[in-house]
Amino acid sequence: DFTNFNVGGVMTSLTFAVFCFVGFESAATLAGETRDPGRNVPLAISTSVLATGFFFIAMAYLMVMGFDDDTRQIADSQSPLTELARRAGLSSLSVVLYASALISSCTCLLASLNAVSRLLFSMSRYGLLPEALSRVHPGHRSPTVALAVSLAVILALGLAMLTAGVFGAFEAAGALATFGFLVIYLLICLAAPIDQRK
């Protein structure tokens, strides 16, 4: 029955579906710090895409099944996983779910910071950004200046978005990141054939 089909809802869901899936290519930013990058980087990217895709499909199937095929209840729920645990008689798992979400958020932040700093570092080495961004720590050889700049920008953007409220900030960050990634993916698809011809 498509009489109540909501295109706006699909587009909003699609935005967050892409938002949840992007980032698999971030392993490429660590190629310069990886043993045998020609083998390990493609393996990491392929494995993460397959594992993430399988995880999302399995979770979507189990959630719909847990809500008795009523997707409207999932959409209306403030915390679908907690509600699912309650329905299964495992309300005590709510703490574990919230802790897992917090750990996942911190991990995502660290991965994003890692990828952005390496990107700034590489662009600086090619002369596209100020040379200071290519400085590395003498002992750890990590791009400390690029890391500090990335952290400052991410923190400033996060605090600025909080003026819209916590959920508004999450929605704005998701939309900004998703469309940013899509533009970058498009530019890479256009540039790759040109680069391969050189």
Protein backbone atom coordinates (compact mmCIF):
# COMPACT_ATOMS: atom_id res chain seq x y z
CA ASP A 1 0.00 0.00 0.00
CA PHE A 2 1.73 3.18 -1.26
CA THR A 3 -1.16 5.57 -0.56
CA ASN A 4 0.64 7.01 2.47
CA PHE A 5 4.09 6.90 0.88
CA ASN A 6 6.22 9.78 2.18
CA VAL A 7 9.06 10.80 -0.16
CA GLY A 8 10.46 13.21 2.45
CA GLY A 9 10.74 10.40 4.97
CA VAL A 10 12.57 8.21 2.47
CA MET A 11 15.04 11.00 1.68
CA THR A 12 15.70 11.62 5.38
CA SER A 13 16.23 7.90 5.95
CA LEU A 14 18.48 7.68 2.89
CA THR A 15 20.61 10.51 4.25
CA PHE A 16 21.26 8.63 7.48
CA ALA A 17 21.69 5.28 5.71
CA VAL A 18 24.52 6.81 3.67
CA PHE A 19 25.83 8.55 6.80
CA CYS A 20 26.07 5.20 8.60
CA PHE A 21 27.87 3.53 5.72
CA VAL A 22 30.47 6.13 4.66
CA GLY A 23 33.99 6.10 5.98
CA PHE A 24 35.00 2.66 4.72
CA GLU A 25 37.59 4.31 2.44
CA SER A 26 39.38 5.98 5.37
CA ALA A 27 41.84 3.10 5.54
CA ALA A 28 43.43 4.51 2.38
CA THR A 29 44.60 7.59 4.30
CA LEU A 30 46.86 5.33 6.40
CA ALA A 31 48.58 3.70 3.41
CA GLY A 32 51.83 5.55 4.14
CA GLU A 33 51.93 4.10 7.67
CA THR A 34 50.92 0.55 6.76
CA ARG A 35 53.01 -2.54 6.13
CA ASP A 36 52.45 -3.83 2.59
CA PRO A 37 49.80 -1.19 1.74
CA GLY A 38 49.20 -2.64 -1.73
CA ARG A 39 47.75 -5.74 -0.07
CA ASN A 40 46.49 -4.57 3.34
CA VAL A 41 44.66 -1.36 2.40
CA PRO A 42 42.42 -2.94 -0.30
CA LEU A 43 41.81 -5.88 2.05
CA ALA A 44 40.78 -3.53 4.89
CA ILE A 45 38.45 -1.53 2.63
CA SER A 46 36.79 -4.61 1.09
CA THR A 47 36.40 -6.36 4.44
CA SER A 48 34.90 -3.29 6.13
CA VAL A 49 32.39 -2.79 3.28
CA LEU A 50 31.25 -6.43 3.41
CA ALA A 51 31.13 -6.62 7.21
CA THR A 52 29.29 -3.31 7.58
CA GLY A 53 26.81 -4.15 4.83
CA PHE A 54 26.04 -7.54 6.38
CA PHE A 55 25.69 -5.96 9.86
CA PHE A 56 23.23 -3.31 8.65
CA ILE A 57 21.11 -5.80 6.71
CA ALA A 58 21.01 -8.19 9.68
CA MET A 59 20.15 -5.42 12.16
CA ALA A 60 17.41 -3.97 9.91
CA TYR A 61 15.87 -7.43 9.44
CA LEU A 62 15.97 -8.24 13.17
CA MET A 63 14.54 -4.87 14.19
CA VAL A 64 11.62 -5.11 11.76
CA MET A 65 10.99 -8.68 12.89
CA GLY A 66 11.19 -7.61 16.57
CA PHE A 67 8.56 -4.91 15.98
CA ASP A 68 6.22 -7.43 14.28
CA ASP A 69 6.79 -5.88 10.83
CA ASP A 70 5.37 -2.54 12.01
CA THR A 71 7.98 -0.09 10.73
CA ARG A 72 5.90 2.88 11.90
CA GLN A 73 6.57 1.86 15.50
CA ILE A 74 10.31 1.90 14.77
CA ALA A 75 10.03 5.38 13.24
CA ASP A 76 7.99 6.70 16.19
CA SER A 77 10.27 5.22 18.85
CA GLN A 78 12.84 7.54 20.48
CA SER A 79 15.11 4.55 21.14
CA PRO A 80 14.21 1.51 19.00
CA LEU A 81 16.95 -0.77 20.35
CA THR A 82 15.97 -0.08 23.96
CA GLU A 83 12.33 -0.68 23.08
CA LEU A 84 13.30 -3.92 21.35
CA ALA A 85 15.21 -5.08 24.45
CA ARG A 86 12.18 -4.25 26.62
CA ARG A 87 9.87 -6.25 24.34
CA ALA A 88 12.25 -9.20 24.59
CA GLY A 89 12.16 -8.98 28.42
CA LEU A 90 15.77 -7.79 28.57
CA SER A 91 15.31 -4.24 29.84
CA SER A 92 18.59 -4.48 31.75
CA LEU A 93 20.39 -4.49 28.38
CA SER A 94 19.49 -0.81 27.93
CA VAL A 95 22.58 0.23 29.87
CA VAL A 96 24.75 -1.97 27.65
CA LEU A 97 23.14 -0.51 24.51
CA TYR A 98 23.69 3.08 25.65
CA ALA A 99 27.29 2.30 26.65
CA SER A 100 27.87 0.67 23.26
CA ALA A 101 26.43 3.73 21.50
CA LEU A 102 28.75 6.01 23.49
CA ILE A 103 31.81 3.88 22.70
CA SER A 104 30.77 3.74 19.04
CA SER A 105 30.44 7.55 18.92
CA CYS A 106 33.89 8.04 20.44
CA THR A 107 35.37 5.51 18.02
CA CYS A 108 33.74 7.28 15.08
CA LEU A 109 35.17 10.61 16.28
CA LEU A 110 38.68 9.14 16.56
CA ALA A 111 38.44 7.52 13.12
CA SER A 112 37.24 10.79 11.57
CA LEU A 113 40.00 12.75 13.29
CA ASN A 114 42.56 10.21 12.12
CA ALA A 115 41.37 10.36 8.49
CA VAL A 116 41.04 14.17 8.32
CA SER A 117 44.46 14.79 9.86
CA ARG A 118 46.16 12.38 7.42
CA LEU A 119 44.34 14.05 4.53
CA LEU A 120 45.54 17.51 5.63
CA PHE A 121 49.04 16.07 6.14
CA SER A 122 49.12 14.62 2.61
CA MET A 123 47.76 17.79 1.01
CA SER A 124 50.41 19.80 2.85
CA ARG A 125 53.19 17.53 1.59
CA TYR A 126 51.99 18.11 -1.99
CA GLY A 127 52.03 21.88 -1.45
CA LEU A 128 48.25 22.34 -1.48
CA LEU A 129 48.09 23.50 2.17
CA PRO A 130 50.55 25.32 4.48
CA GLU A 131 53.78 23.45 5.14
CA ALA A 132 53.22 23.52 8.91
CA LEU A 133 50.54 20.83 8.52
CA SER A 134 53.17 18.34 7.34
CA ARG A 135 55.14 18.49 10.60
CA VAL A 136 55.31 15.21 12.51
CA HIS A 137 56.08 14.24 16.10
CA PRO A 138 59.79 13.37 16.39
CA GLY A 139 59.12 10.16 18.30
CA HIS A 140 55.74 8.85 17.17
CA ARG A 141 55.96 10.27 13.61
CA SER A 142 52.27 11.26 13.77
CA PRO A 143 51.14 14.53 12.12
CA THR A 144 50.67 16.51 15.33
CA VAL A 145 49.91 19.90 13.75
CA ALA A 146 47.35 18.41 11.36
CA LEU A 147 45.78 16.51 14.28
CA ALA A 148 45.54 19.69 16.38
CA VAL A 149 43.98 21.70 13.54
CA SER A 150 41.51 18.89 12.73
CA LEU A 151 40.48 18.58 16.38
CA ALA A 152 39.98 22.36 16.69
CA VAL A 153 37.80 22.50 13.55
CA ILE A 154 35.70 19.46 14.56
CA LEU A 155 35.23 20.85 18.08
CA ALA A 156 34.27 24.31 16.78
CA LEU A 157 31.75 22.87 14.31
CA GLY A 158 30.27 20.58 16.95
CA LEU A 159 29.82 23.38 19.47
CA ALA A 160 28.33 25.67 16.81
CA MET A 161 25.78 23.01 15.83
CA LEU A 162 24.72 22.53 19.46
CA THR A 163 22.81 25.82 19.23
CA ALA A 164 20.18 23.79 17.33
CA GLY A 165 19.84 21.37 20.29
CA VAL A 166 21.31 17.89 20.64
CA PHE A 167 19.01 16.17 18.13
CA GLY A 168 19.14 19.15 15.77
CA ALA A 169 22.94 19.10 15.91
CA PHE A 170 23.00 15.37 15.15
CA GLU A 171 20.64 15.85 12.21
CA ALA A 172 22.65 18.79 10.86
CA ALA A 173 25.95 16.92 11.26
CA GLY A 174 24.52 13.85 9.53
CA ALA A 175 23.20 15.86 6.58
CA LEU A 176 26.40 17.91 6.25
CA ALA A 177 28.66 14.85 6.42
CA THR A 178 26.52 12.79 4.04
CA PHE A 179 26.28 15.40 1.30
CA GLY A 180 29.94 16.28 1.79
CA PHE A 181 30.91 12.64 1.28
CA LEU A 182 28.66 12.32 -1.78
CA VAL A 183 30.26 15.38 -3.39
CA ILE A 184 33.74 14.02 -2.66
CA TYR A 185 32.82 10.59 -4.07
CA LEU A 186 31.48 12.24 -7.22
CA LEU A 187 34.65 14.33 -7.67
CA ILE A 188 36.82 11.23 -7.18
CA CYS A 189 34.80 9.31 -9.80
CA LEU A 190 35.31 12.19 -12.25
CA ALA A 191 39.01 12.65 -11.45
CA ALA A 192 40.08 8.98 -11.33
CA PRO A 193 39.81 8.28 -15.09
CA ILE A 194 41.74 11.49 -15.86
CA ASP A 195 44.44 10.53 -13.37
CA GLN A 196 44.71 7.01 -14.80
CA ARG A 197 45.37 8.40 -18.29
CA LYS A 198 48.46 10.32 -17.10
